[in-house]
Amino acid sequence: MLHKYSKPLQSRAIATENKLLDALDTLLRDRSLGQLTIDAIAEHSHLTRGAFLKRFGSKKQALFVLWARYCDKCIAVETQLANSLDRYPTALEACADISREIEILHTEGFSANRAMNEDFLEDLMIDPATKKIFLAGVDLMHRVRTRFLRGGPTQDSRDFASAQVIITLNYNYVLRAAPGLPSDQVMRHRLIARLVVEAMKQ
């Protein structure tokens, strides 16, 4: 949840913000937000502590901005996938490709994903941006179901279940919390796709 944050408009401020966010993203790959100091983030970005505080005010605020940046990318990818379903002959093939793209998103956004999960476990509150990307996933699954399985005009529990399956399994695989999934990428995504299609049929 963003508080007292305004998106930079001038190119220099945008560059400063991106340097700080990139540093935060890199450092979060190896440690939690609680283990990081503002000084370490500033040093890694080759900027000052004052620049960080002026831009964000706190580490948590910076995390929320990093997360929002990641969520914007997720929405763009999910929208692109939803608009290109005509190229797939079956729901299984569409879901295998979608699964692969979601894994890529989780891998690229690993730092922000893990840190936001830690924030959720601490406060037990789901960030609005998290809800937004999940609902985009639900819409994507609904469109797959409608396109291939003659689904109804409105979303229902099948769309929520299939979105939960495809997002959660990929997240846990990237987190290395699902070692039972096949290490072979093609096999893994076909397995996930089969589970997702089954969820759509329930």
C-alpha atoms as a PDB file:
ATOM      1  CA  MET A   1       0.000   0.000   0.000  1.00  0.00           C
ATOM      2  CA  LEU A   2       1.580   3.292  -1.080  1.00  0.00           C
ATOM      3  CA  HIS A   3       1.541   6.240   1.307  1.00  0.00           C
ATOM      4  CA  LYS A   4       2.680   9.789   0.580  1.00  0.00           C
ATOM      5  CA  TYR A   5       4.329   8.766  -2.653  1.00  0.00           C
ATOM      6  CA  SER A   6       4.231  10.694  -5.886  1.00  0.00           C
ATOM      7  CA  LYS A   7       5.586   9.261  -9.098  1.00  0.00           C
ATOM      8  CA  PRO A   8       8.548  11.266 -10.435  1.00  0.00           C
ATOM      9  CA  LEU A   9       7.908  13.224 -13.607  1.00  0.00           C
ATOM     10  CA  GLN A  10      11.288  14.702 -14.504  1.00  0.00           C
ATOM     11  CA  SER A  11      13.876  12.489 -16.181  1.00  0.00           C
ATOM     12  CA  ARG A  12      16.508  13.033 -13.483  1.00  0.00           C
ATOM     13  CA  ALA A  13      14.099  12.068 -10.681  1.00  0.00           C
ATOM     14  CA  ILE A  14      12.956   9.024 -12.670  1.00  0.00           C
ATOM     15  CA  ALA A  15      16.579   7.933 -13.152  1.00  0.00           C
ATOM     16  CA  THR A  16      17.276   8.373  -9.423  1.00  0.00           C
ATOM     17  CA  GLU A  17      14.233   6.328  -8.479  1.00  0.00           C
ATOM     18  CA  ASN A  18      15.121   3.545 -10.907  1.00  0.00           C
ATOM     19  CA  LYS A  19      18.698   3.344  -9.599  1.00  0.00           C
ATOM     20  CA  LEU A  20      17.429   3.037  -6.021  1.00  0.00           C
ATOM     21  CA  LEU A  21      14.784   0.459  -6.958  1.00  0.00           C
ATOM     22  CA  ASP A  22      17.281  -1.583  -8.983  1.00  0.00           C
ATOM     23  CA  ALA A  23      19.648  -1.593  -6.001  1.00  0.00           C
ATOM     24  CA  LEU A  24      16.840  -2.668  -3.667  1.00  0.00           C
ATOM     25  CA  ASP A  25      15.815  -5.410  -6.102  1.00  0.00           C
ATOM     26  CA  THR A  26      19.377  -6.752  -6.339  1.00  0.00           C
ATOM     27  CA  LEU A  27      19.994  -6.707  -2.587  1.00  0.00           C
ATOM     28  CA  LEU A  28      16.671  -8.403  -1.815  1.00  0.00           C
ATOM     29  CA  ARG A  29      17.794 -11.449  -3.793  1.00  0.00           C
ATOM     30  CA  ASP A  30      20.038 -12.508  -0.904  1.00  0.00           C
ATOM     31  CA  ARG A  31      18.400 -11.025   2.189  1.00  0.00           C
ATOM     32  CA  SER A  32      15.111  -9.906   3.664  1.00  0.00           C
ATOM     33  CA  LEU A  33      13.933  -6.311   3.819  1.00  0.00           C
ATOM     34  CA  GLY A  34      14.539  -6.350   7.580  1.00  0.00           C
ATOM     35  CA  GLN A  35      18.185  -7.296   7.045  1.00  0.00           C
ATOM     36  CA  LEU A  36      18.753  -4.420   4.633  1.00  0.00           C
ATOM     37  CA  THR A  37      19.763  -0.938   5.656  1.00  0.00           C
ATOM     38  CA  ILE A  38      18.976   2.257   3.795  1.00  0.00           C
ATOM     39  CA  ASP A  39      22.716   2.971   3.753  1.00  0.00           C
ATOM     40  CA  ALA A  40      23.373  -0.355   1.972  1.00  0.00           C
ATOM     41  CA  ILE A  41      20.729   0.422  -0.662  1.00  0.00           C
ATOM     42  CA  ALA A  42      22.104   3.918  -1.192  1.00  0.00           C
ATOM     43  CA  GLU A  43      25.682   2.633  -1.434  1.00  0.00           C
ATOM     44  CA  HIS A  44      24.727  -0.060  -3.940  1.00  0.00           C
ATOM     45  CA  SER A  45      22.959   2.528  -6.107  1.00  0.00           C
ATOM     46  CA  HIS A  46      25.896   4.979  -5.841  1.00  0.00           C
ATOM     47  CA  LEU A  47      23.508   7.544  -4.397  1.00  0.00           C
ATOM     48  CA  THR A  48      23.075   8.995  -0.925  1.00  0.00           C
ATOM     49  CA  ARG A  49      20.932   8.062   2.052  1.00  0.00           C
ATOM     50  CA  GLY A  50      19.329  11.497   1.710  1.00  0.00           C
ATOM     51  CA  ALA A  51      18.357  10.763  -1.900  1.00  0.00           C
ATOM     52  CA  PHE A  52      16.689   7.527  -0.773  1.00  0.00           C
ATOM     53  CA  LEU A  53      14.778   9.194   2.065  1.00  0.00           C
ATOM     54  CA  LYS A  54      13.694  12.090  -0.111  1.00  0.00           C
ATOM     55  CA  ARG A  55      12.361   9.714  -2.762  1.00  0.00           C
ATOM     56  CA  PHE A  56      10.718   7.075  -0.546  1.00  0.00           C
ATOM     57  CA  GLY A  57      10.916   7.962   3.135  1.00  0.00           C
ATOM     58  CA  SER A  58      11.271   4.325   4.226  1.00  0.00           C
ATOM     59  CA  LYS A  59      12.392   0.895   3.060  1.00  0.00           C
ATOM     60  CA  LYS A  60       8.834  -0.409   3.115  1.00  0.00           C
ATOM     61  CA  GLN A  61       7.654   2.454   0.922  1.00  0.00           C
ATOM     62  CA  ALA A  62      10.431   1.654  -1.544  1.00  0.00           C
ATOM     63  CA  LEU A  63       9.351  -1.993  -1.530  1.00  0.00           C
ATOM     64  CA  PHE A  64       5.773  -1.013  -2.380  1.00  0.00           C
ATOM     65  CA  VAL A  65       7.011   1.091  -5.308  1.00  0.00           C
ATOM     66  CA  LEU A  66       9.226  -1.796  -6.489  1.00  0.00           C
ATOM     67  CA  TRP A  67       6.224  -4.112  -6.203  1.00  0.00           C
ATOM     68  CA  ALA A  68       4.000  -1.715  -8.164  1.00  0.00           C
ATOM     69  CA  ARG A  69       6.614  -1.632 -10.933  1.00  0.00           C
ATOM     70  CA  TYR A  70       6.602  -5.443 -11.025  1.00  0.00           C
ATOM     71  CA  CYS A  71       2.789  -5.562 -11.010  1.00  0.00           C
ATOM     72  CA  ASP A  72       2.599  -3.193 -13.984  1.00  0.00           C
ATOM     73  CA  LYS A  73       4.801  -5.628 -15.920  1.00  0.00           C
ATOM     74  CA  CYS A  74       2.604  -8.578 -14.875  1.00  0.00           C
ATOM     75  CA  ILE A  75      -0.559  -6.815 -16.022  1.00  0.00           C
ATOM     76  CA  ALA A  76       1.046  -6.029 -19.389  1.00  0.00           C
ATOM     77  CA  VAL A  77       2.092  -9.665 -19.917  1.00  0.00           C
ATOM     78  CA  GLU A  78      -1.279 -11.057 -18.803  1.00  0.00           C
ATOM     79  CA  THR A  79      -3.101  -8.645 -21.126  1.00  0.00           C
ATOM     80  CA  GLN A  80      -0.866  -9.625 -24.042  1.00  0.00           C
ATOM     81  CA  LEU A  81      -1.505 -13.322 -23.354  1.00  0.00           C
ATOM     82  CA  ALA A  82      -5.258 -12.753 -23.115  1.00  0.00           C
ATOM     83  CA  ASN A  83      -5.239 -10.970 -26.468  1.00  0.00           C
ATOM     84  CA  SER A  84      -3.324 -13.715 -28.289  1.00  0.00           C
ATOM     85  CA  LEU A  85      -5.321 -16.832 -27.395  1.00  0.00           C
ATOM     86  CA  ASP A  86      -6.390 -17.342 -31.022  1.00  0.00           C
ATOM     87  CA  ARG A  87      -2.951 -18.698 -31.876  1.00  0.00           C
ATOM     88  CA  TYR A  88      -3.433 -21.786 -29.684  1.00  0.00           C
ATOM     89  CA  PRO A  89      -5.325 -24.866 -30.859  1.00  0.00           C
ATOM     90  CA  THR A  90      -6.183 -26.138 -27.354  1.00  0.00           C
ATOM     91  CA  ALA A  91      -6.598 -24.958 -23.781  1.00  0.00           C
ATOM     92  CA  LEU A  92      -3.720 -27.240 -22.750  1.00  0.00           C
ATOM     93  CA  GLU A  93      -1.264 -25.544 -25.113  1.00  0.00           C
ATOM     94  CA  ALA A  94      -2.468 -22.065 -24.130  1.00  0.00           C
ATOM     95  CA  CYS A  95      -2.126 -22.868 -20.421  1.00  0.00           C
ATOM     96  CA  ALA A  96       1.355 -24.376 -20.889  1.00  0.00           C
ATOM     97  CA  ASP A  97       2.539 -21.133 -22.522  1.00  0.00           C
ATOM     98  CA  ILE A  98       0.804 -19.023 -19.876  1.00  0.00           C
ATOM     99  CA  SER A  99       2.437 -21.116 -17.151  1.00  0.00           C
ATOM    100  CA  ARG A 100       5.864 -20.575 -18.703  1.00  0.00           C
ATOM    101  CA  GLU A 101       5.309 -16.805 -18.909  1.00  0.00           C
ATOM    102  CA  ILE A 102       4.164 -16.683 -15.275  1.00  0.00           C
ATOM    103  CA  GLU A 103       7.282 -18.569 -14.190  1.00  0.00           C
ATOM    104  CA  ILE A 104       9.410 -16.013 -16.050  1.00  0.00           C
ATOM    105  CA  LEU A 105       7.579 -13.182 -14.281  1.00  0.00           C
ATOM    106  CA  HIS A 106       8.085 -14.840 -10.891  1.00  0.00           C
ATOM    107  CA  THR A 107      11.774 -15.392 -11.649  1.00  0.00           C
ATOM    108  CA  GLU A 108      12.356 -11.803 -12.757  1.00  0.00           C
ATOM    109  CA  GLY A 109      10.372 -10.457  -9.816  1.00  0.00           C
ATOM    110  CA  PHE A 110      11.734 -12.924  -7.263  1.00  0.00           C
ATOM    111  CA  SER A 111      13.057 -10.256  -4.888  1.00  0.00           C
ATOM    112  CA  ALA A 112       9.879  -8.213  -4.760  1.00  0.00           C
ATOM    113  CA  ASN A 113       7.703 -11.353  -4.596  1.00  0.00           C
ATOM    114  CA  ARG A 114       9.551 -12.788  -1.628  1.00  0.00           C
ATOM    115  CA  ALA A 115       9.705  -9.475   0.220  1.00  0.00           C
ATOM    116  CA  MET A 116       5.989  -8.838  -0.323  1.00  0.00           C
ATOM    117  CA  ASN A 117       5.241 -12.340   0.970  1.00  0.00           C
ATOM    118  CA  GLU A 118       7.241 -11.515   4.108  1.00  0.00           C
ATOM    119  CA  ASP A 119       5.284  -8.273   4.459  1.00  0.00           C
ATOM    120  CA  PHE A 120       2.005 -10.192   4.119  1.00  0.00           C
ATOM    121  CA  LEU A 121       3.061 -12.715   6.792  1.00  0.00           C
ATOM    122  CA  GLU A 122       3.983  -9.833   9.104  1.00  0.00           C
ATOM    123  CA  ASP A 123       0.838  -7.712   8.647  1.00  0.00           C
ATOM    124  CA  LEU A 124      -1.636 -10.282   7.214  1.00  0.00           C
ATOM    125  CA  MET A 125      -2.810  -7.674   4.704  1.00  0.00           C
ATOM    126  CA  ILE A 126      -2.900  -8.152   0.932  1.00  0.00           C
ATOM    127  CA  ASP A 127      -1.594  -5.176  -1.007  1.00  0.00           C
ATOM    128  CA  PRO A 128      -4.110  -3.729  -3.534  1.00  0.00           C
ATOM    129  CA  ALA A 129      -1.595  -4.212  -6.367  1.00  0.00           C
ATOM    130  CA  THR A 130      -1.408  -7.919  -5.477  1.00  0.00           C
ATOM    131  CA  LYS A 131      -5.173  -8.185  -5.758  1.00  0.00           C
ATOM    132  CA  LYS A 132      -5.034  -6.385  -9.094  1.00  0.00           C
ATOM    133  CA  ILE A 133      -2.561  -8.800 -10.718  1.00  0.00           C
ATOM    134  CA  PHE A 134      -4.418 -11.802  -9.308  1.00  0.00           C
ATOM    135  CA  LEU A 135      -7.695 -10.531 -10.762  1.00  0.00           C
ATOM    136  CA  ALA A 136      -5.944 -10.012 -14.106  1.00  0.00           C
ATOM    137  CA  GLY A 137      -4.931 -13.669 -13.860  1.00  0.00           C
ATOM    138  CA  VAL A 138      -8.536 -14.642 -13.117  1.00  0.00           C
ATOM    139  CA  ASP A 139      -9.657 -12.695 -16.195  1.00  0.00           C
ATOM    140  CA  LEU A 140      -7.011 -14.445 -18.289  1.00  0.00           C
ATOM    141  CA  MET A 141      -8.176 -17.869 -17.080  1.00  0.00           C
ATOM    142  CA  HIS A 142     -11.796 -16.923 -17.736  1.00  0.00           C
ATOM    143  CA  ARG A 143     -10.916 -15.971 -21.287  1.00  0.00           C
ATOM    144  CA  VAL A 144      -9.096 -19.281 -21.787  1.00  0.00           C
ATOM    145  CA  ARG A 145     -12.115 -21.176 -20.447  1.00  0.00           C
ATOM    146  CA  THR A 146     -14.512 -19.198 -22.624  1.00  0.00           C
ATOM    147  CA  ARG A 147     -12.367 -19.624 -25.726  1.00  0.00           C
ATOM    148  CA  PHE A 148     -11.677 -23.356 -25.432  1.00  0.00           C
ATOM    149  CA  LEU A 149     -14.208 -24.905 -23.032  1.00  0.00           C
ATOM    150  CA  ARG A 150     -17.341 -22.939 -23.890  1.00  0.00           C
ATOM    151  CA  GLY A 151     -17.390 -21.147 -20.565  1.00  0.00           C
ATOM    152  CA  GLY A 152     -20.143 -18.773 -19.546  1.00  0.00           C
ATOM    153  CA  PRO A 153     -20.083 -14.989 -19.936  1.00  0.00           C
ATOM    154  CA  THR A 154     -19.279 -14.343 -16.267  1.00  0.00           C
ATOM    155  CA  GLN A 155     -16.353 -15.322 -14.085  1.00  0.00           C
ATOM    156  CA  ASP A 156     -16.910 -18.023 -11.502  1.00  0.00           C
ATOM    157  CA  SER A 157     -15.061 -20.192  -9.005  1.00  0.00           C
ATOM    158  CA  ARG A 158     -13.387 -22.194 -11.799  1.00  0.00           C
ATOM    159  CA  ASP A 159     -11.571 -19.093 -13.031  1.00  0.00           C
ATOM    160  CA  PHE A 160     -10.387 -18.219  -9.524  1.00  0.00           C
ATOM    161  CA  ALA A 161      -9.272 -21.800  -8.863  1.00  0.00           C
ATOM    162  CA  SER A 162      -7.345 -22.121 -12.122  1.00  0.00           C
ATOM    163  CA  ALA A 163      -5.645 -18.731 -11.587  1.00  0.00           C
ATOM    164  CA  GLN A 164      -4.670 -19.798  -8.066  1.00  0.00           C
ATOM    165  CA  VAL A 165      -3.227 -23.083  -9.352  1.00  0.00           C
ATOM    166  CA  ILE A 166      -1.133 -21.585 -12.162  1.00  0.00           C
ATOM    167  CA  ILE A 167       0.184 -18.673 -10.082  1.00  0.00           C
ATOM    168  CA  THR A 168       0.867 -20.589  -6.861  1.00  0.00           C
ATOM    169  CA  LEU A 169       2.574 -23.607  -8.417  1.00  0.00           C
ATOM    170  CA  ASN A 170       4.913 -21.397 -10.434  1.00  0.00           C
ATOM    171  CA  TYR A 171       5.641 -19.146  -7.458  1.00  0.00           C
ATOM    172  CA  ASN A 172       6.492 -22.119  -5.255  1.00  0.00           C
ATOM    173  CA  TYR A 173       8.669 -23.651  -7.958  1.00  0.00           C
ATOM    174  CA  VAL A 174      10.658 -20.424  -8.338  1.00  0.00           C
ATOM    175  CA  LEU A 175      10.894 -20.200  -4.537  1.00  0.00           C
ATOM    176  CA  ARG A 176      12.285 -23.777  -4.562  1.00  0.00           C
ATOM    177  CA  ALA A 177       9.401 -24.831  -2.349  1.00  0.00           C
ATOM    178  CA  ALA A 178       7.982 -27.339  -4.856  1.00  0.00           C
ATOM    179  CA  PRO A 179      10.844 -29.803  -5.498  1.00  0.00           C
ATOM    180  CA  GLY A 180       8.392 -32.492  -6.616  1.00  0.00           C
ATOM    181  CA  LEU A 181       7.589 -30.646  -9.844  1.00  0.00           C
ATOM    182  CA  PRO A 182       9.556 -31.871 -12.892  1.00  0.00           C
ATOM    183  CA  SER A 183      12.835 -30.052 -13.480  1.00  0.00           C
ATOM    184  CA  ASP A 184      12.309 -30.332 -17.239  1.00  0.00           C
ATOM    185  CA  GLN A 185      10.603 -27.087 -18.255  1.00  0.00           C
ATOM    186  CA  VAL A 186       8.351 -28.550 -20.953  1.00  0.00           C
ATOM    187  CA  MET A 187       7.162 -31.396 -18.717  1.00  0.00           C
ATOM    188  CA  ARG A 188       6.637 -29.028 -15.776  1.00  0.00           C
ATOM    189  CA  HIS A 189       4.467 -26.574 -17.665  1.00  0.00           C
ATOM    190  CA  ARG A 190       2.459 -29.304 -19.371  1.00  0.00           C
ATOM    191  CA  LEU A 191       1.759 -30.839 -15.957  1.00  0.00           C
ATOM    192  CA  ILE A 192       0.712 -27.469 -14.526  1.00  0.00           C
ATOM    193  CA  ALA A 193      -1.405 -26.845 -17.634  1.00  0.00           C
ATOM    194  CA  ARG A 194      -3.219 -30.163 -17.163  1.00  0.00           C
ATOM    195  CA  LEU A 195      -4.018 -29.236 -13.561  1.00  0.00           C
ATOM    196  CA  VAL A 196      -5.259 -25.811 -14.637  1.00  0.00           C
ATOM    197  CA  VAL A 197      -7.496 -27.260 -17.342  1.00  0.00           C
ATOM    198  CA  GLU A 198      -8.938 -29.725 -14.819  1.00  0.00           C
ATOM    199  CA  ALA A 199      -9.655 -26.823 -12.457  1.00  0.00           C
ATOM    200  CA  MET A 200     -11.495 -25.085 -15.305  1.00  0.00           C
ATOM    201  CA  LYS A 201     -13.720 -28.122 -15.819  1.00  0.00           C
ATOM    202  CA  GLN A 202     -14.841 -28.503 -12.188  1.00  0.00           C
END
